[in-house]
């Protein structure tokens, strides 16, 4: 039997109540690092969207992508509420994940 993967749907923000980005990946640390360093050309680099303010785990890429698509269709206020339900101060979770021992696998499926 193969290795079970965990997939993540995540929200990045430029600042509290600022520009938002919704994505999906199987390597949250590596993908966050890429966004933070500008390694990914496009929206997040252009608008400085690099604070990891929300994420959730999924056991399949299909459910993760479905959730990502649903969240992308939401109004901004709904996305703000989603973030604030677990991250009232819009803390950047990336440093905390590194401190907790998360590491990059470099096998990201994120877009």
N, C-alpha and C. Protein backbone atom coordinates (compact mmCIF):
# COMPACT_ATOMS: atom_id res chain seq x y z
N UNK A 1 0.84 -1.18 0.00
CA UNK A 1 0.00 0.00 0.00
C UNK A 1 0.89 1.24 0.00
N UNK A 2 0.48 2.28 -0.70
CA UNK A 2 1.27 3.50 -0.81
C UNK A 2 1.14 4.40 0.41
N UNK A 3 1.93 5.43 0.37
CA UNK A 3 1.91 6.42 1.45
C UNK A 3 0.64 7.26 1.35
N UNK A 4 -0.03 7.42 2.48
CA UNK A 4 -1.21 8.28 2.49
C UNK A 4 -0.78 9.73 2.50
N UNK A 5 -1.39 10.52 1.67
CA UNK A 5 -1.05 11.94 1.59
C UNK A 5 -2.10 12.76 2.32
N UNK A 6 -1.65 13.90 2.76
CA UNK A 6 -2.54 14.89 3.34
C UNK A 6 -2.49 16.10 2.43
N UNK A 7 -3.64 16.65 2.15
CA UNK A 7 -3.73 17.84 1.30
C UNK A 7 -4.26 18.99 2.13
N UNK A 8 -3.88 20.17 1.74
CA UNK A 8 -4.26 21.37 2.48
C UNK A 8 -4.93 22.38 1.56
N UNK A 9 -6.01 22.96 2.05
CA UNK A 9 -6.58 24.16 1.45
C UNK A 9 -6.12 25.28 2.37
N UNK A 10 -5.67 26.37 1.78
CA UNK A 10 -5.10 27.43 2.60
C UNK A 10 -5.49 28.81 2.09
N UNK A 11 -5.45 29.76 3.00
CA UNK A 11 -5.69 31.16 2.67
C UNK A 11 -4.47 31.98 3.05
N UNK A 12 -4.02 32.79 2.11
CA UNK A 12 -2.95 33.75 2.35
C UNK A 12 -3.57 35.14 2.34
N UNK A 13 -2.97 36.06 3.09
CA UNK A 13 -3.45 37.44 3.12
C UNK A 13 -2.26 38.39 3.04
N UNK A 14 -2.49 39.55 2.45
CA UNK A 14 -1.45 40.58 2.39
C UNK A 14 -1.34 41.28 3.74
N UNK A 15 -2.45 41.36 4.45
CA UNK A 15 -2.56 42.00 5.77
C UNK A 15 -3.96 41.68 6.27
N UNK A 16 -4.28 41.98 7.53
CA UNK A 16 -5.66 41.74 7.99
C UNK A 16 -6.67 42.48 7.11
N UNK A 17 -7.66 41.77 6.66
CA UNK A 17 -8.73 42.28 5.80
C UNK A 17 -8.21 42.82 4.47
N UNK A 18 -7.05 42.34 4.06
CA UNK A 18 -6.44 42.79 2.80
C UNK A 18 -6.75 41.84 1.66
N UNK A 19 -5.84 41.78 0.72
CA UNK A 19 -5.96 40.91 -0.44
C UNK A 19 -5.80 39.46 0.01
N UNK A 20 -6.66 38.58 -0.53
CA UNK A 20 -6.65 37.17 -0.16
C UNK A 20 -6.32 36.28 -1.36
N UNK A 21 -5.75 35.13 -1.05
CA UNK A 21 -5.47 34.11 -2.06
C UNK A 21 -5.86 32.76 -1.46
N UNK A 22 -6.56 31.95 -2.24
CA UNK A 22 -6.96 30.60 -1.82
C UNK A 22 -6.19 29.60 -2.68
N UNK A 23 -5.60 28.60 -2.04
CA UNK A 23 -4.85 27.60 -2.78
C UNK A 23 -4.99 26.21 -2.18
N UNK A 24 -4.40 25.23 -2.87
CA UNK A 24 -4.40 23.85 -2.40
C UNK A 24 -3.01 23.27 -2.65
N UNK A 25 -2.54 22.43 -1.75
CA UNK A 25 -1.21 21.83 -1.87
C UNK A 25 -1.13 20.57 -1.02
N UNK A 26 -0.12 19.75 -1.28
CA UNK A 26 0.14 18.62 -0.38
C UNK A 26 1.39 18.88 0.46
N UNK A 27 1.97 20.07 0.34
CA UNK A 27 3.14 20.45 1.13
C UNK A 27 2.99 21.92 1.54
N UNK A 28 2.35 22.13 2.65
CA UNK A 28 2.00 23.48 3.09
C UNK A 28 3.23 24.35 3.35
N UNK A 29 4.27 23.78 3.92
CA UNK A 29 5.48 24.55 4.22
C UNK A 29 6.18 24.98 2.93
N UNK A 30 6.40 24.04 2.02
CA UNK A 30 7.08 24.37 0.77
C UNK A 30 6.30 25.39 -0.04
N UNK A 31 5.00 25.19 -0.11
CA UNK A 31 4.17 26.11 -0.90
C UNK A 31 4.16 27.49 -0.26
N UNK A 32 4.04 27.56 1.06
CA UNK A 32 4.07 28.84 1.75
C UNK A 32 5.42 29.54 1.53
N UNK A 33 6.48 28.77 1.60
CA UNK A 33 7.82 29.32 1.37
C UNK A 33 7.91 29.92 -0.04
N UNK A 34 7.41 29.19 -1.02
CA UNK A 34 7.43 29.68 -2.39
C UNK A 34 6.68 31.00 -2.52
N UNK A 35 5.52 31.09 -1.89
CA UNK A 35 4.76 32.35 -1.93
C UNK A 35 5.54 33.46 -1.24
N UNK A 36 6.11 33.18 -0.09
CA UNK A 36 6.82 34.19 0.71
C UNK A 36 8.04 34.76 0.00
N UNK A 37 8.74 33.91 -0.74
CA UNK A 37 9.98 34.32 -1.39
C UNK A 37 9.77 34.85 -2.80
N UNK A 38 8.54 34.82 -3.28
CA UNK A 38 8.26 35.30 -4.63
C UNK A 38 8.68 34.33 -5.70
N UNK A 39 8.91 33.08 -5.33
CA UNK A 39 9.33 32.06 -6.29
C UNK A 39 8.22 31.72 -7.28
N UNK A 40 6.99 32.05 -6.92
CA UNK A 40 5.85 31.77 -7.78
C UNK A 40 5.41 33.08 -8.42
N UNK A 41 5.63 33.24 -9.72
CA UNK A 41 5.21 34.48 -10.36
C UNK A 41 3.68 34.54 -10.43
N UNK A 42 3.17 35.73 -10.42
CA UNK A 42 1.72 35.89 -10.54
C UNK A 42 1.11 36.68 -9.41
N UNK A 43 -0.11 36.32 -9.08
CA UNK A 43 -0.95 37.09 -8.17
C UNK A 43 -0.32 37.35 -6.80
N UNK A 44 0.15 36.29 -6.13
CA UNK A 44 0.65 36.47 -4.77
C UNK A 44 1.92 37.31 -4.74
N UNK A 45 2.76 37.15 -5.74
CA UNK A 45 3.98 37.95 -5.81
C UNK A 45 3.63 39.41 -6.11
N UNK A 46 2.75 39.61 -7.07
CA UNK A 46 2.37 40.97 -7.49
C UNK A 46 1.74 41.77 -6.35
N UNK A 47 0.90 41.12 -5.54
CA UNK A 47 0.15 41.83 -4.50
C UNK A 47 0.69 41.61 -3.08
N UNK A 48 1.82 40.95 -2.95
CA UNK A 48 2.42 40.75 -1.63
C UNK A 48 1.57 39.93 -0.69
N UNK A 49 0.94 38.91 -1.23
CA UNK A 49 0.05 38.05 -0.44
C UNK A 49 0.87 36.85 0.02
N UNK A 50 1.35 36.88 1.27
CA UNK A 50 2.23 35.79 1.72
C UNK A 50 1.99 35.35 3.16
N UNK A 51 1.06 35.97 3.87
CA UNK A 51 0.79 35.57 5.26
C UNK A 51 -0.16 34.38 5.27
N UNK A 52 0.28 33.27 5.81
CA UNK A 52 -0.56 32.07 5.92
C UNK A 52 -1.49 32.26 7.12
N UNK A 53 -2.76 32.57 6.85
CA UNK A 53 -3.69 32.94 7.93
C UNK A 53 -4.75 31.88 8.22
N UNK A 54 -4.86 30.86 7.36
CA UNK A 54 -5.85 29.81 7.59
C UNK A 54 -5.48 28.62 6.73
N UNK A 55 -5.74 27.41 7.26
CA UNK A 55 -5.59 26.20 6.46
C UNK A 55 -6.41 25.08 7.09
N UNK A 56 -6.74 24.09 6.27
CA UNK A 56 -7.39 22.88 6.77
C UNK A 56 -6.88 21.69 5.99
N UNK A 57 -6.93 20.53 6.62
CA UNK A 57 -6.42 19.30 6.03
C UNK A 57 -7.53 18.50 5.37
N UNK A 58 -7.14 17.78 4.31
CA UNK A 58 -8.05 16.88 3.61
C UNK A 58 -7.30 15.59 3.29
N UNK A 59 -8.02 14.50 3.23
CA UNK A 59 -7.39 13.20 2.97
C UNK A 59 -7.31 12.87 1.48
N UNK A 60 -7.97 13.66 0.64
CA UNK A 60 -7.88 13.41 -0.80
C UNK A 60 -7.76 14.73 -1.56
N UNK A 61 -7.10 14.67 -2.69
CA UNK A 61 -6.95 15.86 -3.52
C UNK A 61 -8.30 16.32 -4.05
N UNK A 62 -9.19 15.36 -4.29
CA UNK A 62 -10.51 15.71 -4.82
C UNK A 62 -11.30 16.57 -3.83
N UNK A 63 -11.32 16.16 -2.57
CA UNK A 63 -12.08 16.96 -1.58
C UNK A 63 -11.40 18.30 -1.33
N UNK A 64 -10.08 18.31 -1.36
CA UNK A 64 -9.35 19.57 -1.16
C UNK A 64 -9.65 20.55 -2.29
N UNK A 65 -9.62 20.07 -3.52
CA UNK A 65 -9.88 20.95 -4.66
C UNK A 65 -11.33 21.42 -4.69
N UNK A 66 -12.25 20.56 -4.30
CA UNK A 66 -13.65 20.96 -4.22
C UNK A 66 -13.83 22.07 -3.19
N UNK A 67 -13.21 21.92 -2.03
CA UNK A 67 -13.29 22.94 -0.98
C UNK A 67 -12.66 24.25 -1.45
N UNK A 68 -11.51 24.16 -2.12
CA UNK A 68 -10.85 25.36 -2.65
C UNK A 68 -11.78 26.10 -3.61
N UNK A 69 -12.40 25.37 -4.52
CA UNK A 69 -13.29 25.99 -5.50
C UNK A 69 -14.49 26.65 -4.83
N UNK A 70 -15.02 25.99 -3.81
CA UNK A 70 -16.16 26.57 -3.09
C UNK A 70 -15.76 27.86 -2.39
N UNK A 71 -14.63 27.84 -1.70
CA UNK A 71 -14.17 29.04 -0.98
C UNK A 71 -13.89 30.17 -1.96
N UNK A 72 -13.34 29.86 -3.11
CA UNK A 72 -13.06 30.90 -4.11
C UNK A 72 -14.33 31.62 -4.55
N UNK A 73 -15.46 30.93 -4.50
CA UNK A 73 -16.73 31.55 -4.91
C UNK A 73 -17.37 32.37 -3.80
N UNK A 74 -16.87 32.23 -2.59
CA UNK A 74 -17.46 32.95 -1.45
C UNK A 74 -17.23 34.45 -1.56
N UNK A 75 -18.09 35.20 -0.89
CA UNK A 75 -17.88 36.64 -0.72
C UNK A 75 -16.68 36.86 0.20
N UNK A 76 -16.03 38.00 0.05
CA UNK A 76 -14.87 38.33 0.89
C UNK A 76 -15.20 38.25 2.37
N UNK A 77 -16.38 38.75 2.75
CA UNK A 77 -16.77 38.75 4.16
C UNK A 77 -16.82 37.34 4.72
N UNK A 78 -17.28 36.38 3.93
CA UNK A 78 -17.34 35.00 4.38
C UNK A 78 -15.93 34.45 4.61
N UNK A 79 -15.01 34.81 3.71
CA UNK A 79 -13.62 34.38 3.87
C UNK A 79 -13.02 35.01 5.12
N UNK A 80 -13.31 36.28 5.35
CA UNK A 80 -12.83 36.95 6.57
C UNK A 80 -13.35 36.22 7.81
N UNK A 81 -14.63 35.85 7.80
CA UNK A 81 -15.21 35.13 8.93
C UNK A 81 -14.53 33.77 9.13
N UNK A 82 -14.25 33.09 8.04
CA UNK A 82 -13.57 31.79 8.13
C UNK A 82 -12.21 31.96 8.83
N UNK A 83 -11.48 32.97 8.44
CA UNK A 83 -10.17 33.24 9.06
C UNK A 83 -10.35 33.60 10.53
N UNK A 84 -11.26 34.51 10.80
CA UNK A 84 -11.40 35.03 12.17
C UNK A 84 -11.96 34.01 13.15
N UNK A 85 -12.64 32.98 12.66
CA UNK A 85 -13.14 31.93 13.55
C UNK A 85 -12.01 31.18 14.24
N UNK A 86 -10.84 31.11 13.61
CA UNK A 86 -9.71 30.40 14.21
C UNK A 86 -8.47 31.27 14.38
N UNK A 87 -8.47 32.45 13.79
CA UNK A 87 -7.27 33.29 13.80
C UNK A 87 -7.69 34.76 13.91
N UNK A 88 -8.22 35.10 15.04
CA UNK A 88 -8.80 36.44 15.25
C UNK A 88 -7.82 37.58 14.99
N UNK A 89 -6.54 37.35 15.24
CA UNK A 89 -5.53 38.40 15.09
C UNK A 89 -4.78 38.31 13.76
N UNK A 90 -5.24 37.46 12.87
CA UNK A 90 -4.63 37.30 11.55
C UNK A 90 -3.14 36.99 11.66
N UNK A 91 -2.80 36.14 12.61
CA UNK A 91 -1.41 35.72 12.80
C UNK A 91 -0.91 34.95 11.58
N UNK A 92 0.33 35.13 11.24
CA UNK A 92 0.97 34.36 10.17
C UNK A 92 1.39 33.01 10.76
N UNK A 93 0.76 31.93 10.32
CA UNK A 93 1.02 30.61 10.87
C UNK A 93 2.35 29.99 10.40
N UNK A 94 2.92 30.50 9.33
CA UNK A 94 4.13 29.89 8.78
C UNK A 94 5.25 29.75 9.82
N UNK A 95 5.65 30.81 10.53
CA UNK A 95 6.72 30.64 11.53
C UNK A 95 6.37 29.63 12.62
N UNK A 96 5.12 29.61 13.02
CA UNK A 96 4.70 28.67 14.06
C UNK A 96 4.80 27.22 13.57
N UNK A 97 4.45 26.98 12.31
CA UNK A 97 4.57 25.63 11.76
C UNK A 97 6.02 25.18 11.70
N UNK A 98 6.90 26.09 11.33
CA UNK A 98 8.33 25.76 11.31
C UNK A 98 8.83 25.41 12.71
N UNK A 99 8.42 26.20 13.70
CA UNK A 99 8.82 25.94 15.08
C UNK A 99 8.29 24.61 15.58
N UNK A 100 7.13 24.20 15.08
CA UNK A 100 6.51 22.95 15.51
C UNK A 100 7.14 21.73 14.82
N UNK A 101 8.09 21.98 13.93
CA UNK A 101 8.78 20.87 13.30
C UNK A 101 8.24 20.44 11.95
N UNK A 102 7.36 21.22 11.36
CA UNK A 102 6.90 20.92 10.01
C UNK A 102 8.07 21.16 9.09
N UNK A 103 8.12 20.45 8.00
CA UNK A 103 9.22 20.63 7.06
C UNK A 103 8.71 20.48 5.64
N UNK A 104 9.51 20.98 4.72
CA UNK A 104 9.14 20.93 3.31
C UNK A 104 9.52 19.59 2.71
N UNK A 105 8.60 19.01 1.96
CA UNK A 105 8.85 17.75 1.28
C UNK A 105 9.29 18.01 -0.16
N UNK A 106 8.91 19.14 -0.70
CA UNK A 106 9.22 19.54 -2.07
C UNK A 106 8.59 18.62 -3.11
N UNK A 107 7.37 18.22 -2.86
CA UNK A 107 6.61 17.40 -3.80
C UNK A 107 5.23 18.03 -3.93
N UNK A 108 5.20 19.33 -4.02
CA UNK A 108 3.95 20.07 -3.95
C UNK A 108 3.10 19.89 -5.20
N UNK A 109 1.80 19.76 -4.98
CA UNK A 109 0.86 19.71 -6.09
C UNK A 109 0.11 21.03 -6.21
N UNK A 110 0.47 21.98 -5.39
CA UNK A 110 -0.22 23.28 -5.37
C UNK A 110 -0.08 24.00 -6.69
N UNK A 111 -1.03 24.92 -6.89
CA UNK A 111 -0.98 25.71 -8.11
C UNK A 111 -0.63 27.12 -7.76
